[in-house]
All heavy atoms as atom14 arrays in JSON, in Angstrom:
{
  "sequence": "NIDQRLTNIESLLGWLKVIGGAVLAIALSLIANF",
  "atom14_mask": [
    [1, 1, 1, 1, 1, 1, 1, 1, 0, 0, 0, 0, 0, 0],
    [1, 1, 1, 1, 1, 1, 1, 1, 0, 0, 0, 0, 0, 0],
    [1, 1, 1, 1, 1, 1, 1, 1, 0, 0, 0, 0, 0, 0],
    [1, 1, 1, 1, 1, 1, 1, 1, 1, 0, 0, 0, 0, 0],
    [1, 1, 1, 1, 1, 1, 1, 1, 1, 1, 1, 0, 0, 0],
    [1, 1, 1, 1, 1, 1, 1, 1, 0, 0, 0, 0, 0, 0],
    [1, 1, 1, 1, 1, 1, 1, 0, 0, 0, 0, 0, 0, 0],
    [1, 1, 1, 1, 1, 1, 1, 1, 0, 0, 0, 0, 0, 0],
    [1, 1, 1, 1, 1, 1, 1, 1, 0, 0, 0, 0, 0, 0],
    [1, 1, 1, 1, 1, 1, 1, 1, 1, 0, 0, 0, 0, 0],
    [1, 1, 1, 1, 1, 1, 0, 0, 0, 0, 0, 0, 0, 0],
    [1, 1, 1, 1, 1, 1, 1, 1, 0, 0, 0, 0, 0, 0],
    [1, 1, 1, 1, 1, 1, 1, 1, 0, 0, 0, 0, 0, 0],
    [1, 1, 1, 1, 0, 0, 0, 0, 0, 0, 0, 0, 0, 0],
    [1, 1, 1, 1, 1, 1, 1, 1, 1, 1, 1, 1, 1, 1],
    [1, 1, 1, 1, 1, 1, 1, 1, 0, 0, 0, 0, 0, 0],
    [1, 1, 1, 1, 1, 1, 1, 1, 1, 0, 0, 0, 0, 0],
    [1, 1, 1, 1, 1, 1, 1, 0, 0, 0, 0, 0, 0, 0],
    [1, 1, 1, 1, 1, 1, 1, 1, 0, 0, 0, 0, 0, 0],
    [1, 1, 1, 1, 0, 0, 0, 0, 0, 0, 0, 0, 0, 0],
    [1, 1, 1, 1, 0, 0, 0, 0, 0, 0, 0, 0, 0, 0],
    [1, 1, 1, 1, 1, 0, 0, 0, 0, 0, 0, 0, 0, 0],
    [1, 1, 1, 1, 1, 1, 1, 0, 0, 0, 0, 0, 0, 0],
    [1, 1, 1, 1, 1, 1, 1, 1, 0, 0, 0, 0, 0, 0],
    [1, 1, 1, 1, 1, 0, 0, 0, 0, 0, 0, 0, 0, 0],
    [1, 1, 1, 1, 1, 1, 1, 1, 0, 0, 0, 0, 0, 0],
    [1, 1, 1, 1, 1, 0, 0, 0, 0, 0, 0, 0, 0, 0],
    [1, 1, 1, 1, 1, 1, 1, 1, 0, 0, 0, 0, 0, 0],
    [1, 1, 1, 1, 1, 1, 0, 0, 0, 0, 0, 0, 0, 0],
    [1, 1, 1, 1, 1, 1, 1, 1, 0, 0, 0, 0, 0, 0],
    [1, 1, 1, 1, 1, 1, 1, 1, 0, 0, 0, 0, 0, 0],
    [1, 1, 1, 1, 1, 0, 0, 0, 0, 0, 0, 0, 0, 0],
    [1, 1, 1, 1, 1, 1, 1, 1, 0, 0, 0, 0, 0, 0],
    [1, 1, 1, 1, 1, 1, 1, 1, 1, 1, 1, 0, 0, 0]
  ],
  "atom14_positions": [
    [[80.0, 124.14, 83.77], [79.95, 122.65, 83.98], [81.34, 122.03, 83.91], [81.62, 121.16, 84.75], [79.03, 122.02, 82.95], [77.57, 122.35, 83.14], [77.14, 122.8, 84.21], [76.77, 122.18, 82.11], [0.0, 0.0, 0.0], [0.0, 0.0, 0.0], [0.0, 0.0, 0.0], [0.0, 0.0, 0.0], [0.0, 0.0, 0.0], [0.0, 0.0, 0.0]],
    [[82.12, 122.44, 83.03], [83.46, 121.94, 82.87], [84.28, 122.33, 84.16], [85.02, 121.53, 84.65], [84.14, 122.5, 81.57], [83.51, 121.83, 80.4], [85.67, 122.18, 81.65], [83.89, 122.45, 79.02], [0.0, 0.0, 0.0], [0.0, 0.0, 0.0], [0.0, 0.0, 0.0], [0.0, 0.0, 0.0], [0.0, 0.0, 0.0], [0.0, 0.0, 0.0]],
    [[84.11, 123.57, 84.59], [84.83, 124.0, 85.78], [84.48, 123.16, 87.02], [85.32, 122.72, 87.81], [84.56, 125.47, 86.05], [85.4, 126.02, 87.2], [86.6, 125.73, 87.16], [84.86, 126.75, 88.02], [0.0, 0.0, 0.0], [0.0, 0.0, 0.0], [0.0, 0.0, 0.0], [0.0, 0.0, 0.0], [0.0, 0.0, 0.0], [0.0, 0.0, 0.0]],
    [[83.2, 122.84, 87.11], [82.71, 121.99, 88.25], [83.33, 120.58, 88.12], [83.7, 120.0, 89.13], [81.17, 121.9, 88.26], [80.63, 121.07, 89.38], [80.97, 121.67, 90.73], [80.98, 122.87, 90.91], [81.32, 120.82, 91.7], [0.0, 0.0, 0.0], [0.0, 0.0, 0.0], [0.0, 0.0, 0.0], [0.0, 0.0, 0.0], [0.0, 0.0, 0.0]],
    [[83.37, 120.04, 86.92], [83.96, 118.72, 86.68], [85.4, 118.68, 87.04], [85.95, 117.78, 87.65], [83.78, 118.23, 85.27], [82.32, 117.85, 84.97], [82.2, 117.46, 83.52], [80.79, 117.19, 83.16], [80.38, 116.84, 81.97], [81.23, 116.75, 80.98], [79.06, 116.66, 81.77], [0.0, 0.0, 0.0], [0.0, 0.0, 0.0], [0.0, 0.0, 0.0]],
    [[86.1, 119.73, 86.6], [87.55, 119.88, 86.97], [87.77, 119.91, 88.46], [88.65, 119.35, 89.0], [88.19, 121.05, 86.27], [88.33, 120.93, 84.72], [88.93, 122.24, 84.19], [89.33, 119.8, 84.41], [0.0, 0.0, 0.0], [0.0, 0.0, 0.0], [0.0, 0.0, 0.0], [0.0, 0.0, 0.0], [0.0, 0.0, 0.0], [0.0, 0.0, 0.0]],
    [[86.93, 120.63, 89.13], [87.02, 120.73, 90.6], [86.8, 119.35, 91.21], [87.55, 118.95, 92.15], [85.92, 121.7, 91.13], [86.22, 122.99, 90.6], [86.03, 121.8, 92.65], [0.0, 0.0, 0.0], [0.0, 0.0, 0.0], [0.0, 0.0, 0.0], [0.0, 0.0, 0.0], [0.0, 0.0, 0.0], [0.0, 0.0, 0.0], [0.0, 0.0, 0.0]],
    [[85.84, 118.59, 90.72], [85.6, 117.24, 91.25], [86.8, 116.33, 90.94], [87.15, 115.51, 91.8], [84.32, 116.69, 90.62], [83.03, 117.34, 91.08], [83.02, 118.05, 92.07], [81.99, 117.22, 90.29], [0.0, 0.0, 0.0], [0.0, 0.0, 0.0], [0.0, 0.0, 0.0], [0.0, 0.0, 0.0], [0.0, 0.0, 0.0], [0.0, 0.0, 0.0]],
    [[87.36, 116.41, 89.72], [88.51, 115.65, 89.36], [89.72, 115.96, 90.3], [90.45, 115.12, 90.77], [88.89, 115.83, 87.89], [87.73, 115.17, 87.04], [90.28, 115.26, 87.58], [87.9, 115.48, 85.55], [0.0, 0.0, 0.0], [0.0, 0.0, 0.0], [0.0, 0.0, 0.0], [0.0, 0.0, 0.0], [0.0, 0.0, 0.0], [0.0, 0.0, 0.0]],
    [[89.87, 117.28, 90.54], [91.01, 117.67, 91.41], [90.79, 117.1, 92.84], [91.77, 116.68, 93.45], [91.1, 119.21, 91.47], [91.66, 119.8, 90.19], [91.61, 121.34, 90.21], [90.94, 121.88, 91.12], [92.21, 121.94, 89.3], [0.0, 0.0, 0.0], [0.0, 0.0, 0.0], [0.0, 0.0, 0.0], [0.0, 0.0, 0.0], [0.0, 0.0, 0.0]],
    [[89.61, 117.13, 93.3], [89.32, 116.54, 94.61], [89.57, 115.09, 94.65], [90.22, 114.52, 95.62], [87.78, 116.8, 95.02], [87.48, 116.21, 96.22], [0.0, 0.0, 0.0], [0.0, 0.0, 0.0], [0.0, 0.0, 0.0], [0.0, 0.0, 0.0], [0.0, 0.0, 0.0], [0.0, 0.0, 0.0], [0.0, 0.0, 0.0], [0.0, 0.0, 0.0]],
    [[89.13, 114.37, 93.62], [89.36, 112.95, 93.5], [90.86, 112.61, 93.43], [91.35, 111.66, 94.11], [88.69, 112.35, 92.22], [88.92, 110.86, 91.96], [88.27, 110.05, 93.05], [88.28, 110.51, 90.64], [0.0, 0.0, 0.0], [0.0, 0.0, 0.0], [0.0, 0.0, 0.0], [0.0, 0.0, 0.0], [0.0, 0.0, 0.0], [0.0, 0.0, 0.0]],
    [[91.63, 113.41, 92.68], [93.05, 113.2, 92.58], [93.71, 113.46, 93.97], [94.66, 112.69, 94.31], [93.66, 114.13, 91.58], [93.39, 113.76, 90.12], [94.0, 114.79, 89.16], [93.98, 112.39, 89.78], [0.0, 0.0, 0.0], [0.0, 0.0, 0.0], [0.0, 0.0, 0.0], [0.0, 0.0, 0.0], [0.0, 0.0, 0.0], [0.0, 0.0, 0.0]],
    [[93.25, 114.37, 94.74], [93.74, 114.6, 96.06], [93.56, 113.41, 96.95], [94.48, 112.96, 97.63], [0.0, 0.0, 0.0], [0.0, 0.0, 0.0], [0.0, 0.0, 0.0], [0.0, 0.0, 0.0], [0.0, 0.0, 0.0], [0.0, 0.0, 0.0], [0.0, 0.0, 0.0], [0.0, 0.0, 0.0], [0.0, 0.0, 0.0], [0.0, 0.0, 0.0]],
    [[92.33, 112.79, 96.9], [92.11, 111.64, 97.7], [92.93, 110.43, 97.2], [93.43, 109.65, 97.99], [90.62, 111.24, 97.62], [89.78, 112.06, 98.58], [88.96, 113.09, 98.31], [89.74, 111.93, 100.0], [88.42, 113.6, 99.43], [88.91, 112.88, 100.53], [90.42, 111.05, 100.92], [88.64, 113.05, 101.87], [90.15, 111.21, 102.21], [89.3, 112.2, 102.77]],
    [[93.1, 110.29, 95.89], [93.93, 109.26, 95.36], [95.38, 109.31, 95.81], [96.05, 108.35, 96.05], [93.85, 109.13, 93.83], [92.55, 108.69, 93.23], [92.48, 108.79, 91.76], [92.24, 107.31, 93.69], [0.0, 0.0, 0.0], [0.0, 0.0, 0.0], [0.0, 0.0, 0.0], [0.0, 0.0, 0.0], [0.0, 0.0, 0.0], [0.0, 0.0, 0.0]],
    [[95.85, 110.56, 95.9], [97.23, 110.77, 96.43], [97.34, 110.32, 97.85], [98.29, 109.72, 98.19], [97.58, 112.27, 96.34], [97.9, 112.78, 94.93], [98.32, 114.24, 95.0], [98.47, 114.78, 93.6], [98.74, 116.23, 93.63], [0.0, 0.0, 0.0], [0.0, 0.0, 0.0], [0.0, 0.0, 0.0], [0.0, 0.0, 0.0], [0.0, 0.0, 0.0]],
    [[96.34, 110.69, 98.66], [96.38, 110.28, 100.07], [96.29, 108.73, 100.18], [97.08, 108.09, 100.91], [95.14, 110.92, 100.83], [95.05, 110.3, 102.2], [95.37, 112.4, 100.92], [0.0, 0.0, 0.0], [0.0, 0.0, 0.0], [0.0, 0.0, 0.0], [0.0, 0.0, 0.0], [0.0, 0.0, 0.0], [0.0, 0.0, 0.0], [0.0, 0.0, 0.0]],
    [[95.36, 108.12, 99.44], [95.25, 106.66, 99.49], [96.53, 105.99, 98.95], [96.96, 105.03, 99.55], [94.02, 106.2, 98.75], [92.7, 106.66, 99.45], [93.94, 104.7, 98.52], [91.48, 106.5, 98.64], [0.0, 0.0, 0.0], [0.0, 0.0, 0.0], [0.0, 0.0, 0.0], [0.0, 0.0, 0.0], [0.0, 0.0, 0.0], [0.0, 0.0, 0.0]],
    [[97.04, 106.52, 97.86], [98.25, 105.94, 97.27], [99.42, 106.06, 98.21], [100.23, 105.17, 98.35], [0.0, 0.0, 0.0], [0.0, 0.0, 0.0], [0.0, 0.0, 0.0], [0.0, 0.0, 0.0], [0.0, 0.0, 0.0], [0.0, 0.0, 0.0], [0.0, 0.0, 0.0], [0.0, 0.0, 0.0], [0.0, 0.0, 0.0], [0.0, 0.0, 0.0]],
    [[99.48, 107.21, 98.88], [100.59, 107.4, 99.9], [100.45, 106.4, 101.08], [101.45, 105.82, 101.54], [0.0, 0.0, 0.0], [0.0, 0.0, 0.0], [0.0, 0.0, 0.0], [0.0, 0.0, 0.0], [0.0, 0.0, 0.0], [0.0, 0.0, 0.0], [0.0, 0.0, 0.0], [0.0, 0.0, 0.0], [0.0, 0.0, 0.0], [0.0, 0.0, 0.0]],
    [[99.23, 106.15, 101.43], [99.03, 105.22, 102.56], [99.42, 103.8, 102.09], [100.03, 103.05, 102.84], [97.54, 105.28, 103.05], [0.0, 0.0, 0.0], [0.0, 0.0, 0.0], [0.0, 0.0, 0.0], [0.0, 0.0, 0.0], [0.0, 0.0, 0.0], [0.0, 0.0, 0.0], [0.0, 0.0, 0.0], [0.0, 0.0, 0.0], [0.0, 0.0, 0.0]],
    [[98.94, 103.38, 100.9], [99.28, 102.08, 100.36], [100.76, 101.92, 100.23], [101.33, 100.89, 100.53], [98.56, 101.86, 99.06], [99.07, 100.66, 98.34], [96.99, 101.72, 99.27], [0.0, 0.0, 0.0], [0.0, 0.0, 0.0], [0.0, 0.0, 0.0], [0.0, 0.0, 0.0], [0.0, 0.0, 0.0], [0.0, 0.0, 0.0], [0.0, 0.0, 0.0]],
    [[101.45, 102.98, 99.73], [102.92, 102.91, 99.58], [103.58, 102.79, 100.96], [104.52, 102.01, 101.08], [103.4, 104.19, 98.89], [104.85, 104.27, 98.58], [105.33, 103.13, 97.61], [105.21, 105.54, 97.98], [0.0, 0.0, 0.0], [0.0, 0.0, 0.0], [0.0, 0.0, 0.0], [0.0, 0.0, 0.0], [0.0, 0.0, 0.0], [0.0, 0.0, 0.0]],
    [[103.09, 103.5, 101.91], [103.71, 103.4, 103.24], [103.46, 102.07, 103.83], [104.44, 101.45, 104.43], [103.03, 104.51, 104.2], [0.0, 0.0, 0.0], [0.0, 0.0, 0.0], [0.0, 0.0, 0.0], [0.0, 0.0, 0.0], [0.0, 0.0, 0.0], [0.0, 0.0, 0.0], [0.0, 0.0, 0.0], [0.0, 0.0, 0.0], [0.0, 0.0, 0.0]],
    [[102.32, 101.45, 103.67], [102.06, 100.09, 104.16], [103.03, 99.1, 103.44], [103.59, 98.22, 104.0], [100.59, 99.68, 103.98], [99.78, 100.53, 104.93], [100.38, 98.2, 104.22], [98.27, 100.5, 104.74], [0.0, 0.0, 0.0], [0.0, 0.0, 0.0], [0.0, 0.0, 0.0], [0.0, 0.0, 0.0], [0.0, 0.0, 0.0], [0.0, 0.0, 0.0]],
    [[103.13, 99.22, 102.12], [103.89, 98.31, 101.32], [105.4, 98.45, 101.74], [106.11, 97.43, 101.91], [103.84, 98.61, 99.82], [0.0, 0.0, 0.0], [0.0, 0.0, 0.0], [0.0, 0.0, 0.0], [0.0, 0.0, 0.0], [0.0, 0.0, 0.0], [0.0, 0.0, 0.0], [0.0, 0.0, 0.0], [0.0, 0.0, 0.0], [0.0, 0.0, 0.0]],
    [[105.89, 99.68, 101.96], [107.27, 99.87, 102.4], [107.46, 99.23, 103.78], [108.54, 98.68, 104.05], [107.68, 101.34, 102.34], [107.85, 101.95, 100.99], [108.1, 103.45, 101.06], [108.96, 101.22, 100.19], [0.0, 0.0, 0.0], [0.0, 0.0, 0.0], [0.0, 0.0, 0.0], [0.0, 0.0, 0.0], [0.0, 0.0, 0.0], [0.0, 0.0, 0.0]],
    [[106.5, 99.41, 104.63], [106.58, 98.88, 105.96], [106.67, 97.27, 105.92], [107.44, 96.66, 106.64], [105.39, 99.27, 106.81], [105.42, 98.67, 108.08], [0.0, 0.0, 0.0], [0.0, 0.0, 0.0], [0.0, 0.0, 0.0], [0.0, 0.0, 0.0], [0.0, 0.0, 0.0], [0.0, 0.0, 0.0], [0.0, 0.0, 0.0], [0.0, 0.0, 0.0]],
    [[105.84, 96.68, 105.05], [105.89, 95.25, 104.94], [107.19, 94.76, 104.32], [107.76, 93.78, 104.76], [104.73, 94.81, 104.0], [103.28, 94.9, 104.61], [102.25, 94.54, 103.56], [103.15, 94.02, 105.85], [0.0, 0.0, 0.0], [0.0, 0.0, 0.0], [0.0, 0.0, 0.0], [0.0, 0.0, 0.0], [0.0, 0.0, 0.0], [0.0, 0.0, 0.0]],
    [[107.74, 95.49, 103.35], [109.01, 95.11, 102.77], [110.07, 95.28, 103.78], [110.95, 94.44, 103.96], [109.29, 96.0, 101.52], [108.35, 95.64, 100.39], [110.78, 95.86, 101.09], [108.4, 96.57, 99.24], [0.0, 0.0, 0.0], [0.0, 0.0, 0.0], [0.0, 0.0, 0.0], [0.0, 0.0, 0.0], [0.0, 0.0, 0.0], [0.0, 0.0, 0.0]],
    [[110.05, 96.39, 104.62], [111.1, 96.53, 105.63], [111.0, 95.48, 106.68], [112.02, 94.94, 107.14], [110.87, 97.91, 106.28], [0.0, 0.0, 0.0], [0.0, 0.0, 0.0], [0.0, 0.0, 0.0], [0.0, 0.0, 0.0], [0.0, 0.0, 0.0], [0.0, 0.0, 0.0], [0.0, 0.0, 0.0], [0.0, 0.0, 0.0], [0.0, 0.0, 0.0]],
    [[109.79, 95.06, 107.12], [109.66, 93.95, 108.05], [110.16, 92.66, 107.47], [110.76, 91.87, 108.19], [108.2, 93.81, 108.52], [107.72, 94.91, 109.39], [108.57, 95.55, 110.04], [106.44, 95.16, 109.45], [0.0, 0.0, 0.0], [0.0, 0.0, 0.0], [0.0, 0.0, 0.0], [0.0, 0.0, 0.0], [0.0, 0.0, 0.0], [0.0, 0.0, 0.0]],
    [[109.9, 92.41, 106.16], [110.34, 91.2, 105.51], [111.87, 91.16, 105.49], [112.5, 90.15, 105.87], [109.77, 91.12, 104.14], [110.15, 89.9, 103.35], [109.56, 88.61, 103.7], [111.06, 89.91, 102.34], [109.94, 87.53, 103.03], [111.32, 88.81, 101.61], [110.86, 87.56, 101.96], [0.0, 0.0, 0.0], [0.0, 0.0, 0.0], [0.0, 0.0, 0.0]]
  ]
}
């Protein structure tokens, strides 16, 4: 059960990295345009 939870957490962290990278890219783009 713990192994399954860790797998789910790792998957969630992977998605958070992707979303965080996209948000950071958008923020940098807005700052650069400003």
